[in-house]
Amino acid sequence: MLTLRGEHDLSTNPSLRDELERAFDRGSTVIVDLSEVEFIDSTVLRGLVYGHDVAVNHEQHTIAVVAPKDGVARGLLDMTGLSKLLVVFESQGEALAALS
């Protein structure tokens, strides 16, 4: 589980992509929880697309996103169409139940 809180943009280190690489190295299922973000930019979105691409190209990997419908992240995922590409859940509990 990778949980992002607060604001995340180009200046946020380490990058989501780096964290996803480490998480995929440790296990096959990664859940990115965006329920507590206040702001994310395209670097976070690119990280999520990277995670999706890894999961599509390697059967042993799965990625899901937690982004409640009323949250900042979900609005951006919906606006960009990424909520149709990614597996998105309303809560950590839903994600864990579905992926276990």
Protein backbone atom coordinates (compact mmCIF):
# COMPACT_ATOMS: atom_id res chain seq x y z
CA MET A 1 0.00 0.00 0.00
CA LEU A 2 1.37 3.38 -1.03
CA THR A 3 -0.46 6.25 0.64
CA LEU A 4 -0.08 9.80 -0.60
CA ARG A 5 -1.14 12.67 1.63
CA GLY A 6 -1.17 16.40 1.06
CA GLU A 7 0.25 17.94 -2.12
CA HIS A 8 2.27 16.05 -4.73
CA ASP A 9 3.92 17.58 -7.75
CA LEU A 10 7.23 17.63 -9.60
CA SER A 11 9.09 18.67 -6.46
CA THR A 12 7.84 15.73 -4.39
CA ASN A 13 10.60 13.21 -3.78
CA PRO A 14 10.86 10.34 -4.20
CA SER A 15 8.61 10.13 -7.22
CA LEU A 16 5.61 7.86 -7.35
CA ARG A 17 7.25 5.93 -10.17
CA ASP A 18 10.28 5.18 -7.97
CA GLU A 19 8.02 4.07 -5.15
CA LEU A 20 6.01 1.86 -7.52
CA GLU A 21 9.19 0.22 -8.80
CA ARG A 22 10.19 -0.61 -5.22
CA ALA A 23 6.70 -1.82 -4.36
CA PHE A 24 6.51 -4.09 -7.41
CA ASP A 25 9.93 -5.49 -6.48
CA ARG A 26 8.56 -6.43 -3.02
CA GLY A 27 5.25 -7.91 -4.16
CA SER A 28 2.86 -8.36 -7.01
CA THR A 29 -0.11 -6.22 -5.89
CA VAL A 30 0.18 -2.50 -5.27
CA ILE A 31 -2.59 -0.24 -4.01
CA VAL A 32 -2.04 3.51 -4.32
CA ASP A 33 -4.23 5.36 -1.83
CA LEU A 34 -5.01 8.91 -2.99
CA SER A 35 -7.88 9.51 -0.57
CA GLU A 36 -5.92 12.07 1.47
CA VAL A 37 -4.30 14.10 -1.31
CA GLU A 38 -5.03 17.80 -1.56
CA PHE A 39 -3.28 18.31 -4.90
CA ILE A 40 -1.64 16.11 -7.52
CA ASP A 41 -0.16 17.07 -10.86
CA SER A 42 0.73 15.25 -14.05
CA THR A 43 3.80 13.63 -12.49
CA VAL A 44 1.53 11.60 -10.23
CA LEU A 45 -0.76 10.76 -13.15
CA ARG A 46 2.25 9.62 -15.19
CA GLY A 47 3.32 7.46 -12.26
CA LEU A 48 -0.08 5.80 -12.18
CA VAL A 49 0.06 5.18 -15.94
CA TYR A 50 3.52 3.68 -15.48
CA GLY A 51 2.13 1.35 -12.80
CA HIS A 52 -0.72 0.35 -15.07
CA ASP A 53 1.71 -0.39 -17.90
CA VAL A 54 3.84 -2.58 -15.63
CA ALA A 55 0.77 -4.51 -14.51
CA VAL A 56 -0.45 -4.98 -18.09
CA ASN A 57 2.94 -6.21 -19.27
CA HIS A 58 3.69 -8.48 -16.30
CA GLU A 59 0.92 -10.87 -15.29
CA GLN A 60 2.25 -11.22 -11.75
CA HIS A 61 1.66 -7.52 -11.03
CA THR A 62 -1.58 -5.74 -10.17
CA ILE A 63 -2.18 -2.08 -9.41
CA ALA A 64 -5.27 -0.41 -8.01
CA VAL A 65 -6.06 3.09 -6.83
CA VAL A 66 -8.12 4.28 -3.87
CA ALA A 67 -9.83 7.56 -4.76
CA PRO A 68 -13.21 8.37 -3.20
CA LYS A 69 -15.75 9.95 -5.57
CA ASP A 70 -15.81 13.23 -3.65
CA GLY A 71 -12.01 13.56 -3.48
CA VAL A 72 -9.60 15.77 -5.37
CA ALA A 73 -7.80 12.82 -6.97
CA ARG A 74 -11.00 11.18 -8.24
CA GLY A 75 -12.06 14.40 -9.92
CA LEU A 76 -8.76 14.55 -11.77
CA LEU A 77 -8.84 10.85 -12.64
CA ASP A 78 -12.35 11.27 -14.04
CA MET A 79 -11.49 14.46 -15.94
CA THR A 80 -8.47 12.87 -17.62
CA GLY A 81 -10.19 9.55 -18.32
CA LEU A 82 -7.74 7.62 -16.15
CA SER A 83 -10.55 6.35 -13.93
CA LYS A 84 -11.61 4.25 -16.94
CA LEU A 85 -8.09 2.89 -17.46
CA LEU A 86 -7.17 2.19 -13.84
CA VAL A 87 -8.92 -0.01 -11.30
CA VAL A 88 -10.31 2.54 -8.83
CA PHE A 89 -11.91 1.82 -5.46
CA GLU A 90 -13.75 4.04 -3.00
CA SER A 91 -11.82 2.85 0.06
CA GLN A 92 -8.84 0.82 1.19
CA GLY A 93 -11.21 -1.79 2.55
CA GLU A 94 -12.87 -2.27 -0.84
CA ALA A 95 -9.50 -2.51 -2.56
CA LEU A 96 -8.10 -5.01 -0.08
CA ALA A 97 -11.23 -7.16 -0.22
CA ALA A 98 -11.27 -7.21 -4.01
CA LEU A 99 -7.57 -7.91 -4.44
CA SER A 100 -6.99 -10.49 -1.72
